């Protein structure tokens, strides 16, 4: 090989390394962007679906408004927000009404959970345990003993995991914190 061929060969290798590095960096950048956008992918997908499905209506409204694109965009946006906000307001009203009813039942002392029907006992496998739990819930809303200690103290005094079997302290601590909140 001559000196010129070695120089050309080195240039060729250098370009190959440079291109490989750039391709690797682009792949790394795409992967990082995907990881960043991953929680938002369902929202982006629904945005695309809604935009595609509303576009024909937008074009008709734009023609009806004599090619006023901004005005038709504002009208479509207000309509879509109304479709979103109205159910949320209705749901919030129902939730407030349910909480008020629950508070009235708690204040009056009336049962919140109705007693179980007698036919539940005849259900195979789960009938008897379900009836006992349901009866307990209908007569006493506080199914658990009140906890007066923090989770670590509760764990230290109990010495077992919440499943009742001995477990490593770290697992038991995680279970206690998850049950506490």
Protein backbone atom coordinates (compact mmCIF):
# COMPACT_ATOMS: atom_id res chain seq x y z
CA UNK A 1 0.00 0.00 0.00
CA UNK A 2 1.16 3.45 -0.79
CA UNK A 3 1.06 6.44 1.49
CA UNK A 4 -1.86 7.94 -0.42
CA UNK A 5 -3.89 4.75 -0.01
CA UNK A 6 -3.20 4.70 3.76
CA UNK A 7 -4.34 8.31 4.08
CA UNK A 8 -7.47 7.59 2.05
CA UNK A 9 -8.10 4.47 4.14
CA UNK A 10 -7.70 6.42 7.40
CA UNK A 11 -10.07 9.13 6.14
CA UNK A 12 -12.56 6.43 5.24
CA UNK A 13 -12.29 4.87 8.72
CA UNK A 14 -12.51 8.29 10.41
CA UNK A 15 -15.68 9.11 8.46
CA UNK A 16 -17.14 5.73 9.39
CA UNK A 17 -16.42 6.32 13.09
CA UNK A 18 -17.88 9.82 12.87
CA UNK A 19 -21.05 8.62 11.13
CA UNK A 20 -21.42 5.74 13.62
CA UNK A 21 -21.03 8.17 16.53
CA UNK A 22 -23.64 10.50 15.08
CA UNK A 23 -26.09 7.64 14.47
CA UNK A 24 -25.54 6.39 18.01
CA UNK A 25 -26.14 9.85 19.45
CA UNK A 26 -29.33 10.24 17.40
CA UNK A 27 -30.57 6.86 18.65
CA UNK A 28 -29.74 7.89 22.22
CA UNK A 29 -31.55 11.20 21.75
CA UNK A 30 -34.64 9.48 20.31
CA UNK A 31 -34.67 7.00 23.22
CA UNK A 32 -34.37 9.83 25.76
CA UNK A 33 -37.18 11.76 24.08
CA UNK A 34 -39.36 8.65 24.09
CA UNK A 35 -38.71 8.11 27.80
CA UNK A 36 -39.56 11.74 28.49
CA UNK A 37 -42.75 11.67 26.40
CA UNK A 38 -43.89 8.20 27.45
CA UNK A 39 -46.32 9.40 30.19
CA UNK A 40 -47.88 11.82 27.72
CA UNK A 41 -48.31 9.41 24.79
CA UNK A 42 -51.97 8.61 25.56
CA UNK A 43 -52.76 12.33 25.71
CA UNK A 44 -50.91 13.01 22.48
CA UNK A 45 -52.71 10.10 20.82
CA UNK A 46 -56.14 11.36 21.95
CA UNK A 47 -55.22 14.86 20.79
CA UNK A 48 -54.41 13.53 17.33
CA UNK A 49 -57.63 11.49 17.25
CA UNK A 50 -59.76 14.46 18.30
CA UNK A 51 -58.01 16.81 15.86
CA UNK A 52 -58.57 14.44 12.94
CA UNK A 53 -62.21 13.77 13.85
CA UNK A 54 -63.09 17.45 14.39
CA UNK A 55 -61.34 18.76 11.27
CA UNK A 56 -64.29 18.23 8.87
CA UNK A 57 -66.59 20.13 11.23
CA UNK A 58 -63.98 22.85 11.53
CA UNK A 59 -63.80 23.21 7.73
CA UNK A 60 -67.62 23.42 7.44
CA UNK A 61 -67.75 26.03 10.19
CA UNK A 62 -64.92 27.96 8.53
CA UNK A 63 -66.84 28.03 5.24
CA UNK A 64 -70.02 29.09 7.07
CA UNK A 65 -68.11 31.91 8.76
CA UNK A 66 -66.72 33.13 5.39
CA UNK A 67 -63.20 31.73 5.77
CA UNK A 68 -62.55 33.12 9.24
CA UNK A 69 -60.14 30.51 10.51
CA UNK A 70 -59.41 32.11 13.88
CA UNK A 71 -63.09 32.56 14.73
CA UNK A 72 -63.94 29.00 13.74
CA UNK A 73 -61.01 27.73 15.83
CA UNK A 74 -62.25 29.67 18.84
CA UNK A 75 -65.81 28.34 18.41
CA UNK A 76 -64.60 24.73 18.05
CA UNK A 77 -62.34 25.13 21.11
CA UNK A 78 -65.19 26.52 23.22
CA UNK A 79 -67.48 23.66 22.13
CA UNK A 80 -64.85 21.03 22.95
CA UNK A 81 -64.19 22.62 26.34
CA UNK A 82 -67.93 22.61 27.03
CA UNK A 83 -68.03 18.89 26.20
CA UNK A 84 -65.22 18.39 28.70
CA UNK A 85 -66.33 20.73 31.49
CA UNK A 86 -70.05 19.86 31.63
CA UNK A 87 -69.59 16.20 32.69
CA UNK A 88 -66.94 17.21 35.22
CA UNK A 89 -69.32 19.76 36.80
CA UNK A 90 -72.13 17.19 36.91
CA UNK A 91 -69.80 14.60 38.45
CA UNK A 92 -68.60 17.09 41.06
CA UNK A 93 -72.22 17.92 41.95
CA UNK A 94 -73.03 14.24 42.38
CA UNK A 95 -69.92 13.73 44.49
CA UNK A 96 -70.80 16.65 46.77
CA UNK A 97 -74.36 15.37 47.14
CA UNK A 98 -73.08 11.89 48.04
CA UNK A 99 -70.68 13.29 50.62
CA UNK A 100 -73.46 15.39 52.17
CA UNK A 101 -75.70 12.31 52.38
CA UNK A 102 -72.89 10.29 53.94
CA UNK A 103 -72.22 13.05 56.49
CA UNK A 104 -75.94 13.21 57.37
CA UNK A 105 -76.03 9.41 57.86
CA UNK A 106 -72.94 9.53 60.06
CA UNK A 107 -74.33 12.41 62.10
CA UNK A 108 -77.72 10.72 62.61
CA UNK A 109 -76.23 7.33 63.31
CA UNK A 110 -78.31 5.64 60.63
CA UNK A 111 -76.70 2.69 58.85
CA UNK A 112 -74.71 3.61 55.80
CA UNK A 113 -74.32 0.08 54.49
CA UNK A 114 -77.57 -1.92 54.38
CA UNK A 115 -77.63 -5.36 56.01
CA UNK A 116 -76.88 -8.31 53.72
CA UNK A 117 -79.74 -10.29 52.19
CA UNK A 118 -80.30 -13.77 53.62
CA UNK A 119 -79.68 -15.45 50.25
CA UNK A 120 -75.96 -14.63 50.40
CA UNK A 121 -75.32 -17.49 52.83
CA UNK A 122 -76.31 -19.99 50.13
CA UNK A 123 -73.55 -18.81 47.76
CA UNK A 124 -70.82 -21.42 47.41
CA UNK A 125 -67.37 -20.78 48.89
CA UNK A 126 -67.71 -17.06 49.64
CA UNK A 127 -71.27 -16.91 50.99
CA UNK A 128 -70.68 -17.32 54.74
CA UNK A 129 -67.50 -15.18 54.96
CA UNK A 130 -69.06 -12.48 52.81
CA UNK A 131 -72.18 -12.38 54.97
CA UNK A 132 -70.14 -12.08 58.17
CA UNK A 133 -67.99 -9.24 56.77
CA UNK A 134 -71.03 -7.49 55.29
CA UNK A 135 -72.94 -7.80 58.59
CA UNK A 136 -70.00 -6.39 60.47
CA UNK A 137 -69.72 -3.50 57.99
CA UNK A 138 -73.45 -2.73 58.23
CA UNK A 139 -73.41 -2.62 62.02
CA UNK A 140 -69.95 -1.17 62.64
CA UNK A 141 -68.36 1.08 60.02
CA UNK A 142 -64.95 0.93 61.75
CA UNK A 143 -63.76 -2.48 60.52
CA UNK A 144 -60.20 -1.98 61.73
CA UNK A 145 -58.89 -1.25 65.15
CA UNK A 146 -57.98 2.41 65.52
CA UNK A 147 -54.28 3.00 65.04
CA UNK A 148 -52.79 5.37 67.54
CA UNK A 149 -49.16 4.79 66.62
CA UNK A 150 -47.12 5.73 63.60
CA UNK A 151 -46.37 2.92 61.12
CA UNK A 152 -42.87 2.13 62.48
CA UNK A 153 -44.17 1.89 66.06
CA UNK A 154 -47.14 -0.16 64.86
CA UNK A 155 -44.74 -2.50 63.08
CA UNK A 156 -42.38 -2.79 66.02
CA UNK A 157 -45.19 -3.70 68.43
CA UNK A 158 -46.74 -6.16 66.02
CA UNK A 159 -43.49 -7.71 64.80
CA UNK A 160 -45.04 -9.23 61.70
CA UNK A 161 -46.13 -8.11 58.27
CA UNK A 162 -49.74 -7.20 57.60
CA UNK A 163 -50.36 -10.62 56.08
CA UNK A 164 -49.67 -12.20 59.47
CA UNK A 165 -46.57 -14.12 58.46
CA UNK A 166 -43.05 -13.17 59.50
CA UNK A 167 -41.37 -11.03 56.89
CA UNK A 168 -38.18 -9.04 56.61
CA UNK A 169 -38.37 -5.64 58.25
CA UNK A 170 -38.09 -3.74 54.96
CA UNK A 171 -41.05 -5.59 53.40
CA UNK A 172 -43.10 -5.20 56.55
CA UNK A 173 -42.27 -1.51 56.72
CA UNK A 174 -43.39 -1.00 53.12
CA UNK A 175 -46.61 -2.86 53.83
CA UNK A 176 -47.27 -0.79 56.93
CA UNK A 177 -46.75 2.50 55.12
CA UNK A 178 -48.96 1.42 52.21
CA UNK A 179 -51.74 0.29 54.57
CA UNK A 180 -51.43 3.40 56.71
CA UNK A 181 -52.07 5.81 53.82
